[in-house]
mmCIF file of all heavy atoms, coordinates in Angstrom:
data_MODEL
# 
_entry.id   MODEL 
# 
loop_
_atom_site.group_PDB 
_atom_site.id 
_atom_site.type_symbol 
_atom_site.label_atom_id 
_atom_site.label_alt_id 
_atom_site.label_comp_id 
_atom_site.label_asym_id 
_atom_site.label_entity_id 
_atom_site.label_seq_id 
_atom_site.pdbx_PDB_ins_code 
_atom_site.Cartn_x 
_atom_site.Cartn_y 
_atom_site.Cartn_z 
_atom_site.occupancy 
_atom_site.B_iso_or_equiv 
_atom_site.pdbx_formal_charge 
_atom_site.auth_seq_id 
_atom_site.auth_comp_id 
_atom_site.auth_asym_id 
_atom_site.auth_atom_id 
_atom_site.pdbx_PDB_model_num 
ATOM 1   N N   . LEU A 1 1  ? 27.536 -54.235 161.926 1.00 0.00 ? 1  LEU A N   1 
ATOM 2   C CA  . LEU A 1 1  ? 26.225 -54.851 161.578 1.00 0.00 ? 1  LEU A CA  1 
ATOM 3   C C   . LEU A 1 1  ? 26.094 -55.073 160.106 1.00 0.00 ? 1  LEU A C   1 
ATOM 4   O O   . LEU A 1 1  ? 25.653 -56.082 159.650 1.00 0.00 ? 1  LEU A O   1 
ATOM 5   C CB  . LEU A 1 1  ? 25.126 -53.966 162.101 1.00 0.00 ? 1  LEU A CB  1 
ATOM 6   C CG  . LEU A 1 1  ? 25.011 -53.797 163.621 1.00 0.00 ? 1  LEU A CG  1 
ATOM 7   C CD1 . LEU A 1 1  ? 23.860 -52.772 163.946 1.00 0.00 ? 1  LEU A CD1 1 
ATOM 8   C CD2 . LEU A 1 1  ? 24.618 -55.165 164.329 1.00 0.00 ? 1  LEU A CD2 1 
ATOM 9   N N   . GLU A 1 2  ? 26.462 -54.031 159.325 1.00 0.00 ? 2  GLU A N   1 
ATOM 10  C CA  . GLU A 1 2  ? 26.450 -54.190 157.856 1.00 0.00 ? 2  GLU A CA  1 
ATOM 11  C C   . GLU A 1 2  ? 27.328 -55.338 157.382 1.00 0.00 ? 2  GLU A C   1 
ATOM 12  O O   . GLU A 1 2  ? 26.978 -56.021 156.435 1.00 0.00 ? 2  GLU A O   1 
ATOM 13  C CB  . GLU A 1 2  ? 26.760 -52.854 157.175 1.00 0.00 ? 2  GLU A CB  1 
ATOM 14  C CG  . GLU A 1 2  ? 25.854 -51.712 157.523 1.00 0.00 ? 2  GLU A CG  1 
ATOM 15  C CD  . GLU A 1 2  ? 24.488 -51.874 156.972 1.00 0.00 ? 2  GLU A CD  1 
ATOM 16  O OE1 . GLU A 1 2  ? 24.265 -52.776 156.189 1.00 0.00 ? 2  GLU A OE1 1 
ATOM 17  O OE2 . GLU A 1 2  ? 23.572 -51.157 157.366 1.00 0.00 ? 2  GLU A OE2 1 
ATOM 18  N N   . ALA A 1 3  ? 28.468 -55.376 157.966 1.00 0.00 ? 3  ALA A N   1 
ATOM 19  C CA  . ALA A 1 3  ? 29.435 -56.409 157.522 1.00 0.00 ? 3  ALA A CA  1 
ATOM 20  C C   . ALA A 1 3  ? 28.873 -57.836 157.741 1.00 0.00 ? 3  ALA A C   1 
ATOM 21  O O   . ALA A 1 3  ? 29.032 -58.707 157.031 1.00 0.00 ? 3  ALA A O   1 
ATOM 22  C CB  . ALA A 1 3  ? 30.784 -56.226 158.252 1.00 0.00 ? 3  ALA A CB  1 
ATOM 23  N N   . GLU A 1 4  ? 28.110 -58.002 158.828 1.00 0.00 ? 4  GLU A N   1 
ATOM 24  C CA  . GLU A 1 4  ? 27.488 -59.213 159.185 1.00 0.00 ? 4  GLU A CA  1 
ATOM 25  C C   . GLU A 1 4  ? 26.380 -59.493 158.271 1.00 0.00 ? 4  GLU A C   1 
ATOM 26  O O   . GLU A 1 4  ? 26.150 -60.598 157.761 1.00 0.00 ? 4  GLU A O   1 
ATOM 27  C CB  . GLU A 1 4  ? 27.010 -59.190 160.645 1.00 0.00 ? 4  GLU A CB  1 
ATOM 28  C CG  . GLU A 1 4  ? 26.409 -60.567 161.071 1.00 0.00 ? 4  GLU A CG  1 
ATOM 29  C CD  . GLU A 1 4  ? 26.160 -60.579 162.633 1.00 0.00 ? 4  GLU A CD  1 
ATOM 30  O OE1 . GLU A 1 4  ? 25.074 -60.013 162.927 1.00 0.00 ? 4  GLU A OE1 1 
ATOM 31  O OE2 . GLU A 1 4  ? 26.912 -61.147 163.341 1.00 0.00 ? 4  GLU A OE2 1 
ATOM 32  N N   . ASP A 1 5  ? 25.582 -58.468 157.968 1.00 0.00 ? 5  ASP A N   1 
ATOM 33  C CA  . ASP A 1 5  ? 24.419 -58.664 157.074 1.00 0.00 ? 5  ASP A CA  1 
ATOM 34  C C   . ASP A 1 5  ? 24.782 -58.931 155.634 1.00 0.00 ? 5  ASP A C   1 
ATOM 35  O O   . ASP A 1 5  ? 24.067 -59.454 154.799 1.00 0.00 ? 5  ASP A O   1 
ATOM 36  C CB  . ASP A 1 5  ? 23.512 -57.408 157.043 1.00 0.00 ? 5  ASP A CB  1 
ATOM 37  C CG  . ASP A 1 5  ? 22.820 -57.144 158.408 1.00 0.00 ? 5  ASP A CG  1 
ATOM 38  O OD1 . ASP A 1 5  ? 22.705 -58.238 159.154 1.00 0.00 ? 5  ASP A OD1 1 
ATOM 39  O OD2 . ASP A 1 5  ? 22.403 -56.109 158.666 1.00 0.00 ? 5  ASP A OD2 1 
ATOM 40  N N   . SER A 1 6  ? 26.072 -58.573 155.228 1.00 0.00 ? 6  SER A N   1 
ATOM 41  C CA  . SER A 1 6  ? 26.472 -58.728 153.894 1.00 0.00 ? 6  SER A CA  1 
ATOM 42  C C   . SER A 1 6  ? 26.727 -60.203 153.460 1.00 0.00 ? 6  SER A C   1 
ATOM 43  O O   . SER A 1 6  ? 26.887 -60.459 152.345 1.00 0.00 ? 6  SER A O   1 
ATOM 44  C CB  . SER A 1 6  ? 27.805 -57.939 153.708 1.00 0.00 ? 6  SER A CB  1 
ATOM 45  O OG  . SER A 1 6  ? 28.842 -58.408 154.371 1.00 0.00 ? 6  SER A OG  1 
ATOM 46  N N   . ASP A 1 7  ? 26.866 -61.053 154.502 1.00 0.00 ? 7  ASP A N   1 
ATOM 47  C CA  . ASP A 1 7  ? 27.157 -62.436 154.183 1.00 0.00 ? 7  ASP A CA  1 
ATOM 48  C C   . ASP A 1 7  ? 26.441 -63.324 155.224 1.00 0.00 ? 7  ASP A C   1 
ATOM 49  O O   . ASP A 1 7  ? 26.715 -63.212 156.433 1.00 0.00 ? 7  ASP A O   1 
ATOM 50  C CB  . ASP A 1 7  ? 28.717 -62.645 154.350 1.00 0.00 ? 7  ASP A CB  1 
ATOM 51  C CG  . ASP A 1 7  ? 29.172 -64.053 153.869 1.00 0.00 ? 7  ASP A CG  1 
ATOM 52  O OD1 . ASP A 1 7  ? 28.284 -64.989 153.872 1.00 0.00 ? 7  ASP A OD1 1 
ATOM 53  O OD2 . ASP A 1 7  ? 30.344 -64.162 153.520 1.00 0.00 ? 7  ASP A OD2 1 
ATOM 54  N N   . PRO A 1 8  ? 25.592 -64.226 154.760 1.00 0.00 ? 8  PRO A N   1 
ATOM 55  C CA  . PRO A 1 8  ? 24.813 -65.020 155.714 1.00 0.00 ? 8  PRO A CA  1 
ATOM 56  C C   . PRO A 1 8  ? 25.678 -66.030 156.469 1.00 0.00 ? 8  PRO A C   1 
ATOM 57  O O   . PRO A 1 8  ? 25.187 -66.564 157.496 1.00 0.00 ? 8  PRO A O   1 
ATOM 58  C CB  . PRO A 1 8  ? 23.850 -65.826 154.824 1.00 0.00 ? 8  PRO A CB  1 
ATOM 59  C CG  . PRO A 1 8  ? 24.422 -65.805 153.461 1.00 0.00 ? 8  PRO A CG  1 
ATOM 60  C CD  . PRO A 1 8  ? 25.161 -64.517 153.365 1.00 0.00 ? 8  PRO A CD  1 
ATOM 61  N N   . HIS A 1 9  ? 26.898 -66.251 156.083 1.00 0.00 ? 9  HIS A N   1 
ATOM 62  C CA  . HIS A 1 9  ? 27.844 -67.128 156.761 1.00 0.00 ? 9  HIS A CA  1 
ATOM 63  C C   . HIS A 1 9  ? 28.671 -66.521 157.795 1.00 0.00 ? 9  HIS A C   1 
ATOM 64  O O   . HIS A 1 9  ? 29.580 -67.154 158.342 1.00 0.00 ? 9  HIS A O   1 
ATOM 65  C CB  . HIS A 1 9  ? 28.638 -67.917 155.779 1.00 0.00 ? 9  HIS A CB  1 
ATOM 66  C CG  . HIS A 1 9  ? 27.908 -68.815 154.811 1.00 0.00 ? 9  HIS A CG  1 
ATOM 67  N ND1 . HIS A 1 9  ? 28.345 -68.970 153.508 1.00 0.00 ? 9  HIS A ND1 1 
ATOM 68  C CD2 . HIS A 1 9  ? 26.757 -69.444 154.919 1.00 0.00 ? 9  HIS A CD2 1 
ATOM 69  C CE1 . HIS A 1 9  ? 27.453 -69.834 152.847 1.00 0.00 ? 9  HIS A CE1 1 
ATOM 70  N NE2 . HIS A 1 9  ? 26.496 -70.046 153.813 1.00 0.00 ? 9  HIS A NE2 1 
ATOM 71  N N   . VAL A 1 10 ? 28.507 -65.154 158.033 1.00 0.00 ? 10 VAL A N   1 
ATOM 72  C CA  . VAL A 1 10 ? 29.455 -64.430 158.851 1.00 0.00 ? 10 VAL A CA  1 
ATOM 73  C C   . VAL A 1 10 ? 28.750 -64.109 160.122 1.00 0.00 ? 10 VAL A C   1 
ATOM 74  O O   . VAL A 1 10 ? 27.615 -63.745 160.239 1.00 0.00 ? 10 VAL A O   1 
ATOM 75  C CB  . VAL A 1 10 ? 29.787 -63.092 158.182 1.00 0.00 ? 10 VAL A CB  1 
ATOM 76  C CG1 . VAL A 1 10 ? 30.399 -62.112 159.070 1.00 0.00 ? 10 VAL A CG1 1 
ATOM 77  C CG2 . VAL A 1 10 ? 30.889 -63.421 157.036 1.00 0.00 ? 10 VAL A CG2 1 
ATOM 78  N N   . SER A 1 11 ? 29.543 -64.211 161.274 1.00 0.00 ? 11 SER A N   1 
ATOM 79  C CA  . SER A 1 11 ? 29.163 -63.725 162.551 1.00 0.00 ? 11 SER A CA  1 
ATOM 80  C C   . SER A 1 11 ? 30.201 -62.758 163.042 1.00 0.00 ? 11 SER A C   1 
ATOM 81  O O   . SER A 1 11 ? 31.370 -63.070 163.081 1.00 0.00 ? 11 SER A O   1 
ATOM 82  C CB  . SER A 1 11 ? 29.037 -64.913 163.616 1.00 0.00 ? 11 SER A CB  1 
ATOM 83  O OG  . SER A 1 11 ? 28.956 -64.391 164.953 1.00 0.00 ? 11 SER A OG  1 
ATOM 84  N N   . MET A 1 12 ? 29.696 -61.530 163.310 1.00 0.00 ? 12 MET A N   1 
ATOM 85  C CA  . MET A 1 12 ? 30.701 -60.457 163.683 1.00 0.00 ? 12 MET A CA  1 
ATOM 86  C C   . MET A 1 12 ? 30.827 -60.333 165.159 1.00 0.00 ? 12 MET A C   1 
ATOM 87  O O   . MET A 1 12 ? 30.917 -59.299 165.780 1.00 0.00 ? 12 MET A O   1 
ATOM 88  C CB  . MET A 1 12 ? 30.218 -59.154 163.101 1.00 0.00 ? 12 MET A CB  1 
ATOM 89  C CG  . MET A 1 12 ? 30.578 -58.996 161.706 1.00 0.00 ? 12 MET A CG  1 
ATOM 90  S SD  . MET A 1 12 ? 32.301 -59.191 161.279 1.00 0.00 ? 12 MET A SD  1 
ATOM 91  C CE  . MET A 1 12 ? 33.076 -57.729 162.217 1.00 0.00 ? 12 MET A CE  1 
ATOM 92  N N   . ALA A 1 13 ? 30.912 -61.525 165.868 1.00 0.00 ? 13 ALA A N   1 
ATOM 93  C CA  . ALA A 1 13 ? 31.247 -61.545 167.273 1.00 0.00 ? 13 ALA A CA  1 
ATOM 94  C C   . ALA A 1 13 ? 32.651 -61.660 167.496 1.00 0.00 ? 13 ALA A C   1 
ATOM 95  O O   . ALA A 1 13 ? 33.393 -62.375 166.739 1.00 0.00 ? 13 ALA A O   1 
ATOM 96  C CB  . ALA A 1 13 ? 30.525 -62.736 167.964 1.00 0.00 ? 13 ALA A CB  1 
ATOM 97  N N   . ILE A 1 14 ? 33.202 -61.091 168.562 1.00 0.00 ? 14 ILE A N   1 
ATOM 98  C CA  . ILE A 1 14 ? 34.469 -61.245 168.986 1.00 0.00 ? 14 ILE A CA  1 
ATOM 99  C C   . ILE A 1 14 ? 34.499 -61.874 170.427 1.00 0.00 ? 14 ILE A C   1 
ATOM 100 O O   . ILE A 1 14 ? 33.448 -61.838 171.026 1.00 0.00 ? 14 ILE A O   1 
ATOM 101 C CB  . ILE A 1 14 ? 35.306 -59.952 168.982 1.00 0.00 ? 14 ILE A CB  1 
ATOM 102 C CG1 . ILE A 1 14 ? 34.723 -58.867 169.900 1.00 0.00 ? 14 ILE A CG1 1 
ATOM 103 C CG2 . ILE A 1 14 ? 35.373 -59.407 167.573 1.00 0.00 ? 14 ILE A CG2 1 
ATOM 104 C CD1 . ILE A 1 14 ? 35.480 -57.654 170.010 1.00 0.00 ? 14 ILE A CD1 1 
ATOM 105 N N   . GLY A 1 15 ? 35.580 -62.334 170.866 1.00 0.00 ? 15 GLY A N   1 
ATOM 106 C CA  . GLY A 1 15 ? 35.578 -62.919 172.250 1.00 0.00 ? 15 GLY A CA  1 
ATOM 107 C C   . GLY A 1 15 ? 36.876 -63.247 172.855 1.00 0.00 ? 15 GLY A C   1 
ATOM 108 O O   . GLY A 1 15 ? 37.930 -62.832 172.316 1.00 0.00 ? 15 GLY A O   1 
ATOM 109 N N   . GLY A 1 16 ? 36.791 -63.779 174.067 1.00 0.00 ? 16 GLY A N   1 
ATOM 110 C CA  . GLY A 1 16 ? 38.038 -64.206 174.740 1.00 0.00 ? 16 GLY A CA  1 
ATOM 111 C C   . GLY A 1 16 ? 37.666 -65.343 175.685 1.00 0.00 ? 16 GLY A C   1 
ATOM 112 O O   . GLY A 1 16 ? 36.522 -65.550 176.154 1.00 0.00 ? 16 GLY A O   1 
ATOM 113 N N   . VAL A 1 17 ? 38.691 -66.217 175.936 1.00 0.00 ? 17 VAL A N   1 
ATOM 114 C CA  . VAL A 1 17 ? 38.543 -67.359 176.760 1.00 0.00 ? 17 VAL A CA  1 
ATOM 115 C C   . VAL A 1 17 ? 39.507 -67.271 177.967 1.00 0.00 ? 17 VAL A C   1 
ATOM 116 O O   . VAL A 1 17 ? 40.738 -67.014 177.689 1.00 0.00 ? 17 VAL A O   1 
ATOM 117 C CB  . VAL A 1 17 ? 38.803 -68.669 176.012 1.00 0.00 ? 17 VAL A CB  1 
ATOM 118 C CG1 . VAL A 1 17 ? 38.666 -69.920 177.023 1.00 0.00 ? 17 VAL A CG1 1 
ATOM 119 C CG2 . VAL A 1 17 ? 37.936 -68.804 174.827 1.00 0.00 ? 17 VAL A CG2 1 
ATOM 120 N N   . ALA A 1 18 ? 39.076 -67.331 179.154 1.00 0.00 ? 18 ALA A N   1 
ATOM 121 C CA  . ALA A 1 18 ? 39.827 -67.389 180.366 1.00 0.00 ? 18 ALA A CA  1 
ATOM 122 C C   . ALA A 1 18 ? 39.790 -68.757 180.923 1.00 0.00 ? 18 ALA A C   1 
ATOM 123 O O   . ALA A 1 18 ? 38.780 -69.283 181.234 1.00 0.00 ? 18 ALA A O   1 
ATOM 124 C CB  . ALA A 1 18 ? 39.333 -66.411 181.402 1.00 0.00 ? 18 ALA A CB  1 
ATOM 125 N N   . VAL A 1 19 ? 41.013 -69.444 181.039 1.00 0.00 ? 19 VAL A N   1 
ATOM 126 C CA  . VAL A 1 19 ? 41.101 -70.762 181.563 1.00 0.00 ? 19 VAL A CA  1 
ATOM 127 C C   . VAL A 1 19 ? 41.613 -70.699 182.993 1.00 0.00 ? 19 VAL A C   1 
ATOM 128 O O   . VAL A 1 19 ? 42.628 -70.059 183.284 1.00 0.00 ? 19 VAL A O   1 
ATOM 129 C CB  . VAL A 1 19 ? 42.010 -71.656 180.726 1.00 0.00 ? 19 VAL A CB  1 
ATOM 130 C CG1 . VAL A 1 19 ? 42.144 -73.059 181.340 1.00 0.00 ? 19 VAL A CG1 1 
ATOM 131 C CG2 . VAL A 1 19 ? 41.607 -71.708 179.250 1.00 0.00 ? 19 VAL A CG2 1 
ATOM 132 N N   . MET A 1 20 ? 40.829 -71.360 183.902 1.00 0.00 ? 20 MET A N   1 
ATOM 133 C CA  . MET A 1 20 ? 41.071 -71.272 185.326 1.00 0.00 ? 20 MET A CA  1 
ATOM 134 C C   . MET A 1 20 ? 41.596 -72.648 185.802 1.00 0.00 ? 20 MET A C   1 
ATOM 135 O O   . MET A 1 20 ? 41.206 -73.660 185.349 1.00 0.00 ? 20 MET A O   1 
ATOM 136 C CB  . MET A 1 20 ? 39.782 -70.992 186.090 1.00 0.00 ? 20 MET A CB  1 
ATOM 137 C CG  . MET A 1 20 ? 39.571 -69.488 186.248 1.00 0.00 ? 20 MET A CG  1 
ATOM 138 S SD  . MET A 1 20 ? 39.313 -68.556 184.727 1.00 0.00 ? 20 MET A SD  1 
ATOM 139 C CE  . MET A 1 20 ? 37.644 -69.194 184.353 1.00 0.00 ? 20 MET A CE  1 
ATOM 140 N N   . ASP A 1 21 ? 42.465 -72.520 186.807 1.00 0.00 ? 21 ASP A N   1 
ATOM 141 C CA  . ASP A 1 21 ? 43.048 -73.702 187.479 1.00 0.00 ? 21 ASP A CA  1 
ATOM 142 C C   . ASP A 1 21 ? 42.110 -74.176 188.536 1.00 0.00 ? 21 ASP A C   1 
ATOM 143 O O   . ASP A 1 21 ? 41.510 -73.471 189.230 1.00 0.00 ? 21 ASP A O   1 
ATOM 144 C CB  . ASP A 1 21 ? 44.375 -73.385 188.053 1.00 0.00 ? 21 ASP A CB  1 
ATOM 145 C CG  . ASP A 1 21 ? 45.369 -74.507 187.990 1.00 0.00 ? 21 ASP A CG  1 
ATOM 146 O OD1 . ASP A 1 21 ? 45.034 -75.563 187.533 1.00 0.00 ? 21 ASP A OD1 1 
ATOM 147 O OD2 . ASP A 1 21 ? 46.583 -74.292 188.424 1.00 0.00 ? 21 ASP A OD2 1 
ATOM 148 N N   . GLY A 1 22 ? 41.953 -75.517 188.659 1.00 0.00 ? 22 GLY A N   1 
ATOM 149 C CA  . GLY A 1 22 ? 41.072 -76.149 189.658 1.00 0.00 ? 22 GLY A CA  1 
ATOM 150 C C   . GLY A 1 22 ? 39.766 -76.536 189.112 1.00 0.00 ? 22 GLY A C   1 
ATOM 151 O O   . GLY A 1 22 ? 39.334 -76.078 188.032 1.00 0.00 ? 22 GLY A O   1 
ATOM 152 N N   . PRO A 1 23 ? 38.982 -77.263 189.913 1.00 0.00 ? 23 PRO A N   1 
ATOM 153 C CA  . PRO A 1 23 ? 37.644 -77.754 189.509 1.00 0.00 ? 23 PRO A CA  1 
ATOM 154 C C   . PRO A 1 23 ? 36.747 -76.577 189.358 1.00 0.00 ? 23 PRO A C   1 
ATOM 155 O O   . PRO A 1 23 ? 36.816 -75.605 190.112 1.00 0.00 ? 23 PRO A O   1 
ATOM 156 C CB  . PRO A 1 23 ? 37.299 -78.758 190.555 1.00 0.00 ? 23 PRO A CB  1 
ATOM 157 C CG  . PRO A 1 23 ? 37.982 -78.308 191.757 1.00 0.00 ? 23 PRO A CG  1 
ATOM 158 C CD  . PRO A 1 23 ? 39.349 -77.736 191.284 1.00 0.00 ? 23 PRO A CD  1 
ATOM 159 N N   . PRO A 1 24 ? 35.675 -76.705 188.499 1.00 0.00 ? 24 PRO A N   1 
ATOM 160 C CA  . PRO A 1 24 ? 34.698 -75.565 188.360 1.00 0.00 ? 24 PRO A CA  1 
ATOM 161 C C   . PRO A 1 24 ? 33.835 -75.496 189.571 1.00 0.00 ? 24 PRO A C   1 
ATOM 162 O O   . PRO A 1 24 ? 33.436 -76.476 190.148 1.00 0.00 ? 24 PRO A O   1 
ATOM 163 C CB  . PRO A 1 24 ? 33.899 -76.032 187.076 1.00 0.00 ? 24 PRO A CB  1 
ATOM 164 C CG  . PRO A 1 24 ? 34.017 -77.435 187.040 1.00 0.00 ? 24 PRO A CG  1 
ATOM 165 C CD  . PRO A 1 24 ? 35.411 -77.802 187.540 1.00 0.00 ? 24 PRO A CD  1 
# 
């Protein structure tokens, strides 16, 4: 949280993308 607050241009979110075969 402090790392994010130290810079207004920073977002300390992490993530992942799962790509699936076939129509949604």
